[in-house]
Amino acid sequence: MQPIVFINNISIEEQQNWLAQFKLLLPNEVILLPEQINQAQAEKVQIAIAANPDAKVIARFPNLVWVQSLWAGVEALVAAVKQLQAENMLPSLQLVRLVDPQLAQTMAEAVLTWTLYLHRQIPEYIAQQRQKKWLQLDQPKAQDTRVSVLGSGELGVNAMQVLAHHGYRVSGWSRTAKNIPQVTHYQGSSALPEMLAQTDILICLLPLTEQTTGLINRALLQHLPKGAKLINFGRGGIVNHQDLIECLDEEQIGHAVLDVFEQEPLSASSPLWEHQKISVLPHISAMTNLATASKVAADNISAYRTSGNIPVSVDLKRGY
């Protein structure tokens, strides 16, 4: 049986933890790092497991059939494969992103936590504490609070269902039509302004693609009611941060919770750190769980060895 290559750009400790887990779950497989594979062996490798891989390293394996990502977000991996295919390498390579129910649950928990943070006006009370100001603010009910989610994939659907369960008026938006219980769903770019106009808290769970890069900009934010709030748990490149800061300063946006950034860790010189109406998080909304994610990847590999069927793969044109 051909070895599996583990192509990664993570810490040595993380690398060893993943390898140890795969050894337990796939005892009949040989999983090696790229530097452990000579060129003759490399030509026989059909499966790669990937975590932040370098396109040049992927190119060393000319007969790869598919790559199992260890992350739910695959924009970097998509870019790497597109680069290779533009150079006429690995034209039929398929990418499989991580679809882990635990990840969806973790994201739903984060969405609920930070929606409550905004709904219960925690930023305002923190600001009052700094001023030693004792003032009870009017508290809207959950059923009167309109929460809209951009992105209706697995993570988005789970988040919307949890929000609806807790009484919020939930809407969702995506490129294609969806039927989600207790959720008003909007489809396509023409329907987006209508949803935004009825939104108190906007949550972004979109993937980063050519179409979503810079999507949340001044023009989009102006469609929201004055004082609406934003949570970005998607990708940093979706939000135009300069436009966001201007909208916060103008009080068009009341507060923003940002967990993802184009440069991570966020630069110490970034104005986002010190803005009084921004809560900065260190990309913790839904971290990959080693135990559950490795099992998902191992099950996909075992199924492929048995049936030859590749799990549902990423549409490279759409980017997800």
C-alpha atoms as a PDB file:
ATOM      1  CA  MET A   1       0.000   0.000   0.000  1.00  0.00           C
ATOM      2  CA  GLN A   2       1.300   3.462  -0.943  1.00  0.00           C
ATOM      3  CA  PRO A   3       2.242   5.774   1.917  1.00  0.00           C
ATOM      4  CA  ILE A   4       0.205   8.851   2.793  1.00  0.00           C
ATOM      5  CA  VAL A   5       2.067  12.150   2.981  1.00  0.00           C
ATOM      6  CA  PHE A   6       1.336  14.655   5.754  1.00  0.00           C
ATOM      7  CA  ILE A   7       2.121  18.079   4.275  1.00  0.00           C
ATOM      8  CA  ASN A   8       1.993  20.784   6.912  1.00  0.00           C
ATOM      9  CA  ASN A   9       3.282  24.087   8.137  1.00  0.00           C
ATOM     10  CA  ILE A  10       2.468  23.793  11.835  1.00  0.00           C
ATOM     11  CA  SER A  11       4.571  23.506  14.971  1.00  0.00           C
ATOM     12  CA  ILE A  12       6.570  20.326  15.567  1.00  0.00           C
ATOM     13  CA  GLU A  13       4.493  19.621  18.664  1.00  0.00           C
ATOM     14  CA  GLU A  14       1.214  19.903  16.718  1.00  0.00           C
ATOM     15  CA  GLN A  15       2.684  17.801  13.913  1.00  0.00           C
ATOM     16  CA  GLN A  16       3.633  15.005  16.294  1.00  0.00           C
ATOM     17  CA  ASN A  17       0.235  15.094  17.997  1.00  0.00           C
ATOM     18  CA  TRP A  18      -1.533  14.648  14.665  1.00  0.00           C
ATOM     19  CA  LEU A  19       0.808  11.843  13.598  1.00  0.00           C
ATOM     20  CA  ALA A  20       0.306  10.016  16.903  1.00  0.00           C
ATOM     21  CA  GLN A  21      -3.458  10.253  16.528  1.00  0.00           C
ATOM     22  CA  PHE A  22      -3.390   8.960  12.951  1.00  0.00           C
ATOM     23  CA  LYS A  23      -1.162   6.063  13.998  1.00  0.00           C
ATOM     24  CA  LEU A  24      -3.865   4.990  16.457  1.00  0.00           C
ATOM     25  CA  LEU A  25      -6.727   5.451  13.993  1.00  0.00           C
ATOM     26  CA  LEU A  26      -5.009   4.096  10.868  1.00  0.00           C
ATOM     27  CA  PRO A  27      -2.692   1.332  12.125  1.00  0.00           C
ATOM     28  CA  ASN A  28      -2.399  -0.250   8.682  1.00  0.00           C
ATOM     29  CA  GLU A  29      -1.338   2.970   6.955  1.00  0.00           C
ATOM     30  CA  VAL A  30       2.129   4.475   6.666  1.00  0.00           C
ATOM     31  CA  ILE A  31       1.928   8.252   7.132  1.00  0.00           C
ATOM     32  CA  LEU A  32       5.143  10.137   6.443  1.00  0.00           C
ATOM     33  CA  LEU A  33       6.348  13.702   6.304  1.00  0.00           C
ATOM     34  CA  PRO A  34       7.513  14.966   2.885  1.00  0.00           C
ATOM     35  CA  GLU A  35      11.170  14.899   3.912  1.00  0.00           C
ATOM     36  CA  GLN A  36      10.838  11.195   4.744  1.00  0.00           C
ATOM     37  CA  ILE A  37       9.785  10.300   1.200  1.00  0.00           C
ATOM     38  CA  ASN A  38      12.255   9.948  -1.685  1.00  0.00           C
ATOM     39  CA  GLN A  39      11.276  10.841  -5.237  1.00  0.00           C
ATOM     40  CA  ALA A  40      10.603   7.243  -6.295  1.00  0.00           C
ATOM     41  CA  GLN A  41       8.170   6.853  -3.386  1.00  0.00           C
ATOM     42  CA  ALA A  42       6.680  10.285  -4.014  1.00  0.00           C
ATOM     43  CA  GLU A  43       5.494   9.206  -7.443  1.00  0.00           C
ATOM     44  CA  LYS A  44       3.360   6.482  -5.842  1.00  0.00           C
ATOM     45  CA  VAL A  45       1.613   8.670  -3.261  1.00  0.00           C
ATOM     46  CA  GLN A  46      -2.099   9.135  -3.952  1.00  0.00           C
ATOM     47  CA  ILE A  47      -3.360  10.681  -0.695  1.00  0.00           C
ATOM     48  CA  ALA A  48      -2.134  13.709   1.221  1.00  0.00           C
ATOM     49  CA  ILE A  49      -3.243  15.057   4.586  1.00  0.00           C
ATOM     50  CA  ALA A  50      -2.735  18.820   4.661  1.00  0.00           C
ATOM     51  CA  ALA A  51      -2.445  21.599   7.225  1.00  0.00           C
ATOM     52  CA  ASN A  52      -1.275  24.937   5.785  1.00  0.00           C
ATOM     53  CA  PRO A  53       0.636  23.226   2.946  1.00  0.00           C
ATOM     54  CA  ASP A  54       3.113  24.866   0.582  1.00  0.00           C
ATOM     55  CA  ALA A  55       2.211  24.472  -3.107  1.00  0.00           C
ATOM     56  CA  LYS A  56       5.834  23.618  -3.920  1.00  0.00           C
ATOM     57  CA  VAL A  57       5.713  20.681  -1.518  1.00  0.00           C
ATOM     58  CA  ILE A  58       2.417  19.422  -2.965  1.00  0.00           C
ATOM     59  CA  ALA A  59       4.021  19.538  -6.418  1.00  0.00           C
ATOM     60  CA  ARG A  60       6.582  16.926  -5.318  1.00  0.00           C
ATOM     61  CA  PHE A  61       3.811  14.317  -5.507  1.00  0.00           C
ATOM     62  CA  PRO A  62       2.780  14.223  -9.176  1.00  0.00           C
ATOM     63  CA  ASN A  63       0.212  11.423  -8.863  1.00  0.00           C
ATOM     64  CA  LEU A  64      -1.795  12.729  -5.931  1.00  0.00           C
ATOM     65  CA  VAL A  65      -5.474  11.890  -6.332  1.00  0.00           C
ATOM     66  CA  TRP A  66      -6.895  13.817  -3.381  1.00  0.00           C
ATOM     67  CA  VAL A  67      -5.946  15.912  -0.374  1.00  0.00           C
ATOM     68  CA  GLN A  68      -7.683  15.755   3.006  1.00  0.00           C
ATOM     69  CA  SER A  69      -7.590  19.160   4.696  1.00  0.00           C
ATOM     70  CA  LEU A  70      -7.457  19.279   8.481  1.00  0.00           C
ATOM     71  CA  TRP A  71      -9.190  22.676   8.497  1.00  0.00           C
ATOM     72  CA  ALA A  72     -12.751  23.629   7.585  1.00  0.00           C
ATOM     73  CA  GLY A  73     -11.460  26.760   5.824  1.00  0.00           C
ATOM     74  CA  VAL A  74      -9.669  25.830   2.613  1.00  0.00           C
ATOM     75  CA  GLU A  75      -8.910  29.131   0.872  1.00  0.00           C
ATOM     76  CA  ALA A  76      -5.122  28.715   1.239  1.00  0.00           C
ATOM     77  CA  LEU A  77      -5.283  25.146  -0.022  1.00  0.00           C
ATOM     78  CA  VAL A  78      -7.520  26.144  -2.936  1.00  0.00           C
ATOM     79  CA  ALA A  79      -5.032  28.867  -3.877  1.00  0.00           C
ATOM     80  CA  ALA A  80      -2.148  26.381  -3.735  1.00  0.00           C
ATOM     81  CA  VAL A  81      -3.910  23.878  -5.997  1.00  0.00           C
ATOM     82  CA  LYS A  82      -5.033  26.572  -8.446  1.00  0.00           C
ATOM     83  CA  GLN A  83      -1.421  27.726  -8.673  1.00  0.00           C
ATOM     84  CA  LEU A  84      -0.289  24.196  -9.499  1.00  0.00           C
ATOM     85  CA  GLN A  85      -3.030  23.679 -12.070  1.00  0.00           C
ATOM     86  CA  ALA A  86      -2.204  26.994 -13.723  1.00  0.00           C
ATOM     87  CA  GLU A  87       1.275  25.519 -14.209  1.00  0.00           C
ATOM     88  CA  ASN A  88      -0.262  22.337 -15.704  1.00  0.00           C
ATOM     89  CA  MET A  89       0.497  20.237 -12.637  1.00  0.00           C
ATOM     90  CA  LEU A  90      -1.966  17.927 -10.837  1.00  0.00           C
ATOM     91  CA  PRO A  91      -4.924  18.849 -13.090  1.00  0.00           C
ATOM     92  CA  SER A  92      -7.299  16.278 -11.560  1.00  0.00           C
ATOM     93  CA  LEU A  93      -6.364  16.712  -7.892  1.00  0.00           C
ATOM     94  CA  GLN A  94      -9.414  16.885  -5.608  1.00  0.00           C
ATOM     95  CA  LEU A  95      -9.603  18.682  -2.259  1.00  0.00           C
ATOM     96  CA  VAL A  96     -11.654  17.461   0.680  1.00  0.00           C
ATOM     97  CA  ARG A  97     -12.306  19.954   3.457  1.00  0.00           C
ATOM     98  CA  LEU A  98     -12.868  18.944   7.053  1.00  0.00           C
ATOM     99  CA  VAL A  99     -16.564  18.410   7.833  1.00  0.00           C
ATOM    100  CA  ASP A 100     -16.620  17.792  11.567  1.00  0.00           C
ATOM    101  CA  PRO A 101     -19.896  17.884  13.558  1.00  0.00           C
ATOM    102  CA  GLN A 102     -17.902  18.901  16.642  1.00  0.00           C
ATOM    103  CA  LEU A 103     -16.617  21.961  14.779  1.00  0.00           C
ATOM    104  CA  ALA A 104     -20.176  22.943  13.878  1.00  0.00           C
ATOM    105  CA  GLN A 105     -21.249  22.619  17.516  1.00  0.00           C
ATOM    106  CA  THR A 106     -18.270  24.666  18.699  1.00  0.00           C
ATOM    107  CA  MET A 107     -19.031  27.413  16.189  1.00  0.00           C
ATOM    108  CA  ALA A 108     -22.699  27.453  17.196  1.00  0.00           C
ATOM    109  CA  GLU A 109     -21.633  27.905  20.833  1.00  0.00           C
ATOM    110  CA  ALA A 110     -19.398  30.824  19.858  1.00  0.00           C
ATOM    111  CA  VAL A 111     -22.127  32.430  17.764  1.00  0.00           C
ATOM    112  CA  LEU A 112     -24.586  32.191  20.660  1.00  0.00           C
ATOM    113  CA  THR A 113     -22.016  33.479  23.184  1.00  0.00           C
ATOM    114  CA  TRP A 114     -21.112  36.596  21.241  1.00  0.00           C
ATOM    115  CA  THR A 115     -24.670  37.244  20.073  1.00  0.00           C
ATOM    116  CA  LEU A 116     -25.652  37.307  23.765  1.00  0.00           C
ATOM    117  CA  TYR A 117     -22.657  39.572  24.423  1.00  0.00           C
ATOM    118  CA  LEU A 118     -24.033  42.104  21.969  1.00  0.00           C
ATOM    119  CA  HIS A 119     -27.730  41.562  22.680  1.00  0.00           C
ATOM    120  CA  ARG A 120     -27.196  41.935  26.440  1.00  0.00           C
ATOM    121  CA  GLN A 121     -25.171  45.118  25.764  1.00  0.00           C
ATOM    122  CA  ILE A 122     -22.000  43.925  27.488  1.00  0.00           C
ATOM    123  CA  PRO A 123     -19.741  46.361  25.551  1.00  0.00           C
ATOM    124  CA  GLU A 124     -21.875  49.266  26.763  1.00  0.00           C
ATOM    125  CA  TYR A 125     -21.690  48.109  30.382  1.00  0.00           C
ATOM    126  CA  ILE A 126     -17.909  47.645  30.111  1.00  0.00           C
ATOM    127  CA  ALA A 127     -17.657  51.233  28.834  1.00  0.00           C
ATOM    128  CA  GLN A 128     -19.850  52.436  31.705  1.00  0.00           C
ATOM    129  CA  GLN A 129     -17.669  50.656  34.231  1.00  0.00           C
ATOM    130  CA  ARG A 130     -14.599  52.500  32.925  1.00  0.00           C
ATOM    131  CA  GLN A 131     -16.489  55.745  33.559  1.00  0.00           C
ATOM    132  CA  LYS A 132     -17.793  54.558  36.985  1.00  0.00           C
ATOM    133  CA  LYS A 133     -21.250  55.128  35.552  1.00  0.00           C
ATOM    134  CA  TRP A 134     -24.280  53.323  37.063  1.00  0.00           C
ATOM    135  CA  LEU A 135     -26.997  53.178  34.406  1.00  0.00           C
ATOM    136  CA  GLN A 136     -29.433  50.388  33.617  1.00  0.00           C
ATOM    137  CA  LEU A 137     -30.027  50.228  29.865  1.00  0.00           C
ATOM    138  CA  ASP A 138     -33.316  49.169  28.302  1.00  0.00           C
ATOM    139  CA  GLN A 139     -32.989  45.501  27.393  1.00  0.00           C
ATOM    140  CA  PRO A 140     -34.703  44.252  24.197  1.00  0.00           C
ATOM    141  CA  LYS A 141     -36.139  40.738  24.302  1.00  0.00           C
ATOM    142  CA  ALA A 142     -34.533  37.976  22.262  1.00  0.00           C
ATOM    143  CA  GLN A 143     -37.706  37.568  20.212  1.00  0.00           C
ATOM    144  CA  ASP A 144     -37.471  41.246  19.257  1.00  0.00           C
ATOM    145  CA  THR A 145     -33.804  40.976  18.246  1.00  0.00           C
ATOM    146  CA  ARG A 146     -33.180  40.310  14.567  1.00  0.00           C
ATOM    147  CA  VAL A 147     -30.058  38.223  13.953  1.00  0.00           C
ATOM    148  CA  SER A 148     -28.912  37.528  10.391  1.00  0.00           C
ATOM    149  CA  VAL A 149     -26.254  35.033   9.312  1.00  0.00           C
ATOM    150  CA  LEU A 150     -24.244  35.355   6.111  1.00  0.00           C
ATOM    151  CA  GLY A 151     -23.455  31.807   4.986  1.00  0.00           C
ATOM    152  CA  SER A 152     -25.765  28.812   5.113  1.00  0.00           C
ATOM    153  CA  GLY A 153     -23.320  25.918   5.002  1.00  0.00           C
ATOM    154  CA  GLU A 154     -23.047  23.361   7.786  1.00  0.00           C
ATOM    155  CA  LEU A 155     -21.617  25.876  10.263  1.00  0.00           C
ATOM    156  CA  GLY A 156     -24.190  28.513   9.389  1.00  0.00           C
ATOM    157  CA  VAL A 157     -27.169  26.189   9.593  1.00  0.00           C
ATOM    158  CA  ASN A 158     -26.126  24.865  13.003  1.00  0.00           C
ATOM    159  CA  ALA A 159     -25.599  28.397  14.295  1.00  0.00           C
ATOM    160  CA  MET A 160     -28.984  29.560  13.001  1.00  0.00           C
ATOM    161  CA  GLN A 161     -30.780  26.638  14.614  1.00  0.00           C
ATOM    162  CA  VAL A 162     -29.166  27.367  17.996  1.00  0.00           C
ATOM    163  CA  LEU A 163     -30.071  31.062  17.734  1.00  0.00           C
ATOM    164  CA  ALA A 164     -33.674  30.224  16.809  1.00  0.00           C
ATOM    165  CA  HIS A 165     -33.873  27.791  19.742  1.00  0.00           C
ATOM    166  CA  HIS A 166     -32.941  30.664  22.054  1.00  0.00           C
ATOM    167  CA  GLY A 167     -35.753  32.813  20.733  1.00  0.00           C
ATOM    168  CA  TYR A 168     -34.024  35.160  18.307  1.00  0.00           C
ATOM    169  CA  ARG A 169     -35.645  36.240  15.039  1.00  0.00           C
ATOM    170  CA  VAL A 170     -33.220  34.570  12.669  1.00  0.00           C
ATOM    171  CA  SER A 171     -32.546  35.163   8.982  1.00  0.00           C
ATOM    172  CA  GLY A 172     -29.942  33.556   6.753  1.00  0.00           C
ATOM    173  CA  TRP A 173     -28.392  34.388   3.415  1.00  0.00           C
ATOM    174  CA  SER A 174     -26.487  32.349   0.854  1.00  0.00           C
ATOM    175  CA  ARG A 175     -25.863  32.017  -2.851  1.00  0.00           C
ATOM    176  CA  THR A 176     -28.409  29.221  -3.234  1.00  0.00           C
ATOM    177  CA  ALA A 177     -31.849  28.603  -1.734  1.00  0.00           C
ATOM    178  CA  LYS A 178     -32.127  26.800   1.610  1.00  0.00           C
ATOM    179  CA  ASN A 179     -35.066  25.601   3.671  1.00  0.00           C
ATOM    180  CA  ILE A 180     -34.124  25.921   7.348  1.00  0.00           C
ATOM    181  CA  PRO A 181     -36.788  25.523  10.051  1.00  0.00           C
ATOM    182  CA  GLN A 182     -37.525  28.718  12.021  1.00  0.00           C
ATOM    183  CA  VAL A 183     -35.262  30.754   9.715  1.00  0.00           C
ATOM    184  CA  THR A 184     -36.225  33.274   7.051  1.00  0.00           C
ATOM    185  CA  HIS A 185     -33.827  32.595   4.205  1.00  0.00           C
ATOM    186  CA  TYR A 186     -32.647  34.990   1.509  1.00  0.00           C
ATOM    187  CA  GLN A 187     -30.953  33.909  -1.709  1.00  0.00           C
ATOM    188  CA  GLY A 188     -28.593  35.751  -4.032  1.00  0.00           C
ATOM    189  CA  SER A 189     -27.093  39.229  -4.115  1.00  0.00           C
ATOM    190  CA  SER A 190     -30.364  40.966  -5.031  1.00  0.00           C
ATOM    191  CA  ALA A 191     -32.010  39.775  -1.793  1.00  0.00           C
ATOM    192  CA  LEU A 192     -29.155  40.814   0.503  1.00  0.00           C
ATOM    193  CA  PRO A 193     -30.162  44.484   1.044  1.00  0.00           C
ATOM    194  CA  GLU A 194     -33.660  43.409   2.078  1.00  0.00           C
ATOM    195  CA  MET A 195     -32.287  41.119   4.780  1.00  0.00           C
ATOM    196  CA  LEU A 196     -29.729  43.654   5.984  1.00  0.00           C
ATOM    197  CA  ALA A 197     -32.421  46.300   6.467  1.00  0.00           C
ATOM    198  CA  GLN A 198     -34.076  43.965   9.002  1.00  0.00           C
ATOM    199  CA  THR A 199     -30.943  43.086  10.979  1.00  0.00           C
ATOM    200  CA  ASP A 200     -29.838  44.128  14.460  1.00  0.00           C
ATOM    201  CA  ILE A 201     -26.862  41.743  14.673  1.00  0.00           C
ATOM    202  CA  LEU A 202     -25.099  40.578  11.490  1.00  0.00           C
ATOM    203  CA  ILE A 203     -22.948  37.429  11.714  1.00  0.00           C
ATOM    204  CA  CYS A 204     -20.513  36.454   8.964  1.00  0.00           C
ATOM    205  CA  LEU A 205     -19.760  32.747   8.520  1.00  0.00           C
ATOM    206  CA  LEU A 206     -18.866  32.940   4.824  1.00  0.00           C
ATOM    207  CA  PRO A 207     -15.809  31.301   3.250  1.00  0.00           C
ATOM    208  CA  LEU A 208     -13.235  33.563   1.628  1.00  0.00           C
ATOM    209  CA  THR A 209     -13.617  33.467  -2.142  1.00  0.00           C
ATOM    210  CA  GLU A 210     -13.181  35.903  -5.024  1.00  0.00           C
ATOM    211  CA  GLN A 211     -16.853  36.834  -4.574  1.00  0.00           C
ATOM    212  CA  THR A 212     -16.741  37.371  -0.802  1.00  0.00           C
ATOM    213  CA  THR A 213     -13.409  39.232  -0.552  1.00  0.00           C
ATOM    214  CA  GLY A 214     -14.230  42.742   0.718  1.00  0.00           C
ATOM    215  CA  LEU A 215     -17.962  41.980   0.683  1.00  0.00           C
ATOM    216  CA  ILE A 216     -18.568  43.655   4.051  1.00  0.00           C
ATOM    217  CA  ASN A 217     -17.710  47.224   3.119  1.00  0.00           C
ATOM    218  CA  ARG A 218     -19.217  50.673   3.559  1.00  0.00           C
ATOM    219  CA  ALA A 219     -21.909  50.067   0.930  1.00  0.00           C
ATOM    220  CA  LEU A 220     -23.084  46.876   2.614  1.00  0.00           C
ATOM    221  CA  LEU A 221     -22.909  48.277   6.152  1.00  0.00           C
ATOM    222  CA  GLN A 222     -25.036  51.263   5.108  1.00  0.00           C
ATOM    223  CA  HIS A 223     -27.924  48.877   4.415  1.00  0.00           C
ATOM    224  CA  LEU A 224     -28.057  47.945   8.114  1.00  0.00           C
ATOM    225  CA  PRO A 225     -30.187  49.957  10.554  1.00  0.00           C
ATOM    226  CA  LYS A 226     -28.176  52.625  12.379  1.00  0.00           C
ATOM    227  CA  GLY A 227     -26.455  51.101  15.412  1.00  0.00           C
ATOM    228  CA  ALA A 228     -26.554  47.497  14.171  1.00  0.00           C
ATOM    229  CA  LYS A 229     -23.719  45.238  15.321  1.00  0.00           C
ATOM    230  CA  LEU A 230     -21.358  42.878  13.499  1.00  0.00           C
ATOM    231  CA  ILE A 231     -19.697  39.551  14.293  1.00  0.00           C
ATOM    232  CA  ASN A 232     -17.101  38.184  11.852  1.00  0.00           C
ATOM    233  CA  PHE A 233     -16.274  34.509  12.382  1.00  0.00           C
ATOM    234  CA  GLY A 234     -15.688  33.865   8.667  1.00  0.00           C
ATOM    235  CA  ARG A 235     -12.394  35.175   7.278  1.00  0.00           C
ATOM    236  CA  GLY A 236     -10.624  38.501   7.775  1.00  0.00           C
ATOM    237  CA  GLY A 237     -10.493  39.343   4.074  1.00  0.00           C
ATOM    238  CA  ILE A 238     -14.283  39.495   3.877  1.00  0.00           C
ATOM    239  CA  VAL A 239     -14.378  42.726   5.913  1.00  0.00           C
ATOM    240  CA  ASN A 240     -12.958  46.039   4.708  1.00  0.00           C
ATOM    241  CA  HIS A 241     -11.637  47.105   8.099  1.00  0.00           C
ATOM    242  CA  GLN A 242     -11.083  50.745   7.159  1.00  0.00           C
ATOM    243  CA  ASP A 243     -14.715  51.013   6.058  1.00  0.00           C
ATOM    244  CA  LEU A 244     -15.787  49.293   9.276  1.00  0.00           C
ATOM    245  CA  ILE A 245     -13.820  51.712  11.460  1.00  0.00           C
ATOM    246  CA  GLU A 246     -15.375  54.664   9.659  1.00  0.00           C
ATOM    247  CA  CYS A 247     -18.868  53.226  10.119  1.00  0.00           C
ATOM    248  CA  LEU A 248     -18.167  52.650  13.828  1.00  0.00           C
ATOM    249  CA  ASP A 249     -16.902  56.220  14.226  1.00  0.00           C
ATOM    250  CA  GLU A 250     -20.020  57.521  12.479  1.00  0.00           C
ATOM    251  CA  GLU A 251     -22.227  55.342  14.761  1.00  0.00           C
ATOM    252  CA  GLN A 252     -23.696  53.541  11.753  1.00  0.00           C
ATOM    253  CA  ILE A 253     -22.356  50.384  13.402  1.00  0.00           C
ATOM    254  CA  GLY A 254     -22.677  50.060  17.175  1.00  0.00           C
ATOM    255  CA  HIS A 255     -20.006  47.426  17.855  1.00  0.00           C
ATOM    256  CA  ALA A 256     -17.992  44.756  16.039  1.00  0.00           C
ATOM    257  CA  VAL A 257     -16.657  41.423  17.275  1.00  0.00           C
ATOM    258  CA  LEU A 258     -13.739  40.313  15.092  1.00  0.00           C
ATOM    259  CA  ASP A 259     -12.149  36.870  15.411  1.00  0.00           C
ATOM    260  CA  VAL A 260     -10.390  36.534  12.046  1.00  0.00           C
ATOM    261  CA  PHE A 261      -7.895  38.761  10.250  1.00  0.00           C
ATOM    262  CA  GLU A 262      -5.917  38.823   7.015  1.00  0.00           C
ATOM    263  CA  GLN A 263      -2.695  38.813   9.039  1.00  0.00           C
ATOM    264  CA  GLU A 264      -2.636  36.522  12.065  1.00  0.00           C
ATOM    265  CA  PRO A 265      -1.535  37.147  14.751  1.00  0.00           C
ATOM    266  CA  LEU A 266      -2.975  40.635  14.348  1.00  0.00           C
ATOM    267  CA  SER A 267      -0.178  43.210  14.134  1.00  0.00           C
ATOM    268  CA  ALA A 268       0.433  45.164  17.337  1.00  0.00           C
ATOM    269  CA  SER A 269       0.225  48.345  15.239  1.00  0.00           C
ATOM    270  CA  SER A 270      -3.309  47.605  13.998  1.00  0.00           C
ATOM    271  CA  PRO A 271      -5.862  50.272  14.970  1.00  0.00           C
ATOM    272  CA  LEU A 272      -8.394  47.487  15.568  1.00  0.00           C
ATOM    273  CA  TRP A 273      -6.792  46.648  18.939  1.00  0.00           C
ATOM    274  CA  GLU A 274      -7.598  49.933  20.628  1.00  0.00           C
ATOM    275  CA  HIS A 275     -10.898  50.921  19.025  1.00  0.00           C
ATOM    276  CA  GLN A 276     -13.458  51.277  21.810  1.00  0.00           C
ATOM    277  CA  LYS A 277     -16.213  49.684  19.705  1.00  0.00           C
ATOM    278  CA  ILE A 278     -14.269  46.605  18.569  1.00  0.00           C
ATOM    279  CA  SER A 279     -13.780  43.354  20.472  1.00  0.00           C
ATOM    280  CA  VAL A 280     -10.710  41.497  19.145  1.00  0.00           C
ATOM    281  CA  LEU A 281     -10.493  37.709  19.536  1.00  0.00           C
ATOM    282  CA  PRO A 282      -7.459  35.537  18.625  1.00  0.00           C
ATOM    283  CA  HIS A 283      -9.210  33.228  16.096  1.00  0.00           C
ATOM    284  CA  ILE A 284     -10.885  31.083  18.761  1.00  0.00           C
ATOM    285  CA  SER A 285     -14.516  30.906  17.609  1.00  0.00           C
ATOM    286  CA  ALA A 286     -14.203  27.309  16.355  1.00  0.00           C
ATOM    287  CA  MET A 287     -10.791  25.740  16.710  1.00  0.00           C
ATOM    288  CA  THR A 288     -10.180  22.312  15.180  1.00  0.00           C
ATOM    289  CA  ASN A 289     -10.561  19.510  17.718  1.00  0.00           C
ATOM    290  CA  LEU A 290      -7.677  17.059  17.289  1.00  0.00           C
ATOM    291  CA  ALA A 291      -9.591  13.967  18.426  1.00  0.00           C
ATOM    292  CA  THR A 292     -12.736  14.477  16.349  1.00  0.00           C
ATOM    293  CA  ALA A 293     -11.035  15.975  13.294  1.00  0.00           C
ATOM    294  CA  SER A 294      -8.481  13.176  13.033  1.00  0.00           C
ATOM    295  CA  LYS A 295     -11.296  10.610  13.216  1.00  0.00           C
ATOM    296  CA  VAL A 296     -13.185  12.337  10.390  1.00  0.00           C
ATOM    297  CA  ALA A 297     -10.039  12.351   8.239  1.00  0.00           C
ATOM    298  CA  ALA A 298      -9.193   8.733   9.139  1.00  0.00           C
ATOM    299  CA  ASP A 299     -12.720   7.563   8.318  1.00  0.00           C
ATOM    300  CA  ASN A 300     -12.527   9.312   4.928  1.00  0.00           C
ATOM    301  CA  ILE A 301      -9.223   7.605   4.148  1.00  0.00           C
ATOM    302  CA  SER A 302     -10.471   4.181   5.274  1.00  0.00           C
ATOM    303  CA  ALA A 303     -13.592   4.541   3.134  1.00  0.00           C
ATOM    304  CA  TYR A 304     -11.474   5.456   0.117  1.00  0.00           C
ATOM    305  CA  ARG A 305      -9.229   2.438   0.616  1.00  0.00           C
ATOM    306  CA  THR A 306     -12.307   0.201   0.762  1.00  0.00           C
ATOM    307  CA  SER A 307     -14.467   1.663  -1.996  1.00  0.00           C
ATOM    308  CA  GLY A 308     -12.247   3.960  -4.038  1.00  0.00           C
ATOM    309  CA  ASN A 309     -14.763   6.762  -3.508  1.00  0.00           C
ATOM    310  CA  ILE A 310     -13.380  10.204  -2.706  1.00  0.00           C
ATOM    311  CA  PRO A 311     -15.438  12.179  -0.143  1.00  0.00           C
ATOM    312  CA  VAL A 312     -17.362  15.218  -1.386  1.00  0.00           C
ATOM    313  CA  SER A 313     -14.693  17.587  -2.651  1.00  0.00           C
ATOM    314  CA  VAL A 314     -14.289  21.344  -2.968  1.00  0.00           C
ATOM    315  CA  ASP A 315     -15.497  23.141  -6.085  1.00  0.00           C
ATOM    316  CA  LEU A 316     -12.304  24.972  -7.045  1.00  0.00           C
ATOM    317  CA  LYS A 317     -14.189  27.577  -9.084  1.00  0.00           C
ATOM    318  CA  ARG A 318     -16.405  28.545  -6.151  1.00  0.00           C
ATOM    319  CA  GLY A 319     -13.618  28.054  -3.594  1.00  0.00           C
ATOM    320  CA  TYR A 320     -15.616  25.907  -1.158  1.00  0.00           C
END
